[in-house]
Amino acid sequence: MRTLLIAAILAVATPTLATPVQTPATSATLADAASAPSGRVIVDGATWRCEGTNCTATGGANQPATRACRRVVARLGQVTAFTWKGTALTAEELTACNA
């Protein structure tokens, strides 16, 4: 009976354990590819990697997207698009971020 109970628990738990957790996207598009770092850059706990003008990040502190954008701009240069943990900045927010 105990073996049957353990098998039932494993059968129910296995699909949930195998499903990877989707993290919200964090990305930036740099205005100038020349300002892109050649390696990884860590900003507020987020590890940024860039290819050309397209940069993506993993991890990072919980903070408003506008603050995260200002911190990234200070290290990587101006951006034309910015998304922090699934929250994309508007054109007005991007203008303020790049100021």
C-alpha atoms as a PDB file:
ATOM      1  CA  MET A   1       0.000   0.000   0.000  1.00  0.00           C
ATOM      2  CA  ARG A   2       2.796   2.397   0.884  1.00  0.00           C
ATOM      3  CA  THR A   3       4.528   1.702  -2.443  1.00  0.00           C
ATOM      4  CA  LEU A   4       1.313   2.477  -4.299  1.00  0.00           C
ATOM      5  CA  LEU A   5       0.927   5.757  -2.404  1.00  0.00           C
ATOM      6  CA  ILE A   6       4.517   6.798  -3.193  1.00  0.00           C
ATOM      7  CA  ALA A   7       4.040   5.910  -6.866  1.00  0.00           C
ATOM      8  CA  ALA A   8       0.854   7.996  -7.003  1.00  0.00           C
ATOM      9  CA  ILE A   9       2.586  11.001  -5.435  1.00  0.00           C
ATOM     10  CA  LEU A  10       5.497  10.745  -7.876  1.00  0.00           C
ATOM     11  CA  ALA A  11       3.153  10.446 -10.845  1.00  0.00           C
ATOM     12  CA  VAL A  12       1.363  13.638  -9.835  1.00  0.00           C
ATOM     13  CA  ALA A  13       4.519  15.586  -8.880  1.00  0.00           C
ATOM     14  CA  THR A  14       6.732  14.641 -11.831  1.00  0.00           C
ATOM     15  CA  PRO A  15       5.059  16.810 -14.527  1.00  0.00           C
ATOM     16  CA  THR A  16       5.193  19.830 -12.220  1.00  0.00           C
ATOM     17  CA  LEU A  17       8.836  19.288 -11.384  1.00  0.00           C
ATOM     18  CA  ALA A  18       9.788  18.843 -15.034  1.00  0.00           C
ATOM     19  CA  THR A  19       8.097  22.059 -16.181  1.00  0.00           C
ATOM     20  CA  PRO A  20      10.600  24.929 -16.224  1.00  0.00           C
ATOM     21  CA  VAL A  21       9.547  28.180 -14.626  1.00  0.00           C
ATOM     22  CA  GLN A  22       9.153  30.966 -17.171  1.00  0.00           C
ATOM     23  CA  THR A  23      10.726  34.199 -15.981  1.00  0.00           C
ATOM     24  CA  PRO A  24       9.496  37.488 -17.387  1.00  0.00           C
ATOM     25  CA  ALA A  25      11.680  38.949 -20.120  1.00  0.00           C
ATOM     26  CA  THR A  26      14.347  41.516 -19.349  1.00  0.00           C
ATOM     27  CA  SER A  27      15.934  43.171 -22.367  1.00  0.00           C
ATOM     28  CA  ALA A  28      17.267  46.401 -23.787  1.00  0.00           C
ATOM     29  CA  THR A  29      18.026  47.693 -27.261  1.00  0.00           C
ATOM     30  CA  LEU A  30      21.024  49.997 -27.238  1.00  0.00           C
ATOM     31  CA  ALA A  31      21.030  53.154 -29.339  1.00  0.00           C
ATOM     32  CA  ASP A  32      24.709  52.618 -30.218  1.00  0.00           C
ATOM     33  CA  ALA A  33      26.223  49.156 -30.745  1.00  0.00           C
ATOM     34  CA  ALA A  34      29.669  50.586 -29.968  1.00  0.00           C
ATOM     35  CA  SER A  35      28.633  51.038 -26.329  1.00  0.00           C
ATOM     36  CA  ALA A  36      27.708  47.345 -25.960  1.00  0.00           C
ATOM     37  CA  PRO A  37      30.000  45.462 -23.592  1.00  0.00           C
ATOM     38  CA  SER A  38      32.011  42.580 -25.034  1.00  0.00           C
ATOM     39  CA  GLY A  39      31.370  40.353 -22.023  1.00  0.00           C
ATOM     40  CA  ARG A  40      28.812  40.206 -19.280  1.00  0.00           C
ATOM     41  CA  VAL A  41      27.989  43.201 -17.126  1.00  0.00           C
ATOM     42  CA  ILE A  42      26.231  43.014 -13.767  1.00  0.00           C
ATOM     43  CA  VAL A  43      23.873  45.863 -12.897  1.00  0.00           C
ATOM     44  CA  ASP A  44      21.857  45.635  -9.656  1.00  0.00           C
ATOM     45  CA  GLY A  45      22.253  41.856  -9.608  1.00  0.00           C
ATOM     46  CA  ALA A  46      21.136  41.381 -13.229  1.00  0.00           C
ATOM     47  CA  THR A  47      23.670  39.777 -15.557  1.00  0.00           C
ATOM     48  CA  TRP A  48      23.516  41.544 -18.930  1.00  0.00           C
ATOM     49  CA  ARG A  49      24.864  40.064 -22.173  1.00  0.00           C
ATOM     50  CA  CYS A  50      24.771  41.921 -25.477  1.00  0.00           C
ATOM     51  CA  GLU A  51      25.015  40.943 -29.136  1.00  0.00           C
ATOM     52  CA  GLY A  52      25.166  44.069 -31.246  1.00  0.00           C
ATOM     53  CA  THR A  53      22.499  46.417 -29.946  1.00  0.00           C
ATOM     54  CA  ASN A  54      20.346  43.652 -28.415  1.00  0.00           C
ATOM     55  CA  CYS A  55      20.948  42.942 -24.739  1.00  0.00           C
ATOM     56  CA  THR A  56      19.249  40.450 -22.428  1.00  0.00           C
ATOM     57  CA  ALA A  57      19.538  39.907 -18.704  1.00  0.00           C
ATOM     58  CA  THR A  58      18.882  37.259 -16.112  1.00  0.00           C
ATOM     59  CA  GLY A  59      18.283  37.829 -12.427  1.00  0.00           C
ATOM     60  CA  GLY A  60      18.240  41.268 -10.900  1.00  0.00           C
ATOM     61  CA  ALA A  61      16.762  43.123  -7.976  1.00  0.00           C
ATOM     62  CA  ASN A  62      13.061  43.794  -7.613  1.00  0.00           C
ATOM     63  CA  GLN A  63      12.716  47.449  -8.529  1.00  0.00           C
ATOM     64  CA  PRO A  64      10.612  49.644 -10.798  1.00  0.00           C
ATOM     65  CA  ALA A  65      11.419  49.271 -14.492  1.00  0.00           C
ATOM     66  CA  THR A  66      12.169  52.994 -14.784  1.00  0.00           C
ATOM     67  CA  ARG A  67      14.853  52.796 -12.090  1.00  0.00           C
ATOM     68  CA  ALA A  68      16.371  49.667 -13.632  1.00  0.00           C
ATOM     69  CA  CYS A  69      16.485  51.460 -16.990  1.00  0.00           C
ATOM     70  CA  ARG A  70      18.341  54.460 -15.558  1.00  0.00           C
ATOM     71  CA  ARG A  71      20.900  52.141 -13.935  1.00  0.00           C
ATOM     72  CA  VAL A  72      21.433  50.231 -17.199  1.00  0.00           C
ATOM     73  CA  VAL A  73      21.756  53.441 -19.227  1.00  0.00           C
ATOM     74  CA  ALA A  74      24.410  54.672 -16.785  1.00  0.00           C
ATOM     75  CA  ARG A  75      26.501  51.546 -17.501  1.00  0.00           C
ATOM     76  CA  LEU A  76      25.664  50.625 -21.116  1.00  0.00           C
ATOM     77  CA  GLY A  77      24.526  53.842 -22.784  1.00  0.00           C
ATOM     78  CA  GLN A  78      21.211  55.098 -24.149  1.00  0.00           C
ATOM     79  CA  VAL A  79      18.466  52.642 -25.093  1.00  0.00           C
ATOM     80  CA  THR A  80      15.729  52.692 -27.725  1.00  0.00           C
ATOM     81  CA  ALA A  81      13.686  49.959 -25.998  1.00  0.00           C
ATOM     82  CA  PHE A  82      13.706  48.557 -22.465  1.00  0.00           C
ATOM     83  CA  THR A  83      11.792  45.758 -20.730  1.00  0.00           C
ATOM     84  CA  TRP A  84      12.352  44.877 -17.075  1.00  0.00           C
ATOM     85  CA  LYS A  85      10.902  41.575 -15.828  1.00  0.00           C
ATOM     86  CA  GLY A  86       8.075  41.728 -18.348  1.00  0.00           C
ATOM     87  CA  THR A  87       7.317  45.463 -18.017  1.00  0.00           C
ATOM     88  CA  ALA A  88       8.095  47.409 -21.209  1.00  0.00           C
ATOM     89  CA  LEU A  89       8.733  51.138 -20.939  1.00  0.00           C
ATOM     90  CA  THR A  90       6.667  53.607 -22.947  1.00  0.00           C
ATOM     91  CA  ALA A  91       8.240  56.206 -25.257  1.00  0.00           C
ATOM     92  CA  GLU A  92       7.854  58.864 -22.537  1.00  0.00           C
ATOM     93  CA  GLU A  93       9.508  56.623 -19.942  1.00  0.00           C
ATOM     94  CA  LEU A  94      12.378  55.866 -22.350  1.00  0.00           C
ATOM     95  CA  THR A  95      12.936  59.588 -22.903  1.00  0.00           C
ATOM     96  CA  ALA A  96      13.132  60.142 -19.143  1.00  0.00           C
ATOM     97  CA  CYS A  97      15.396  57.117 -18.746  1.00  0.00           C
ATOM     98  CA  ASN A  98      17.864  58.377 -21.353  1.00  0.00           C
ATOM     99  CA  ALA A  99      17.920  61.955 -19.959  1.00  0.00           C
END
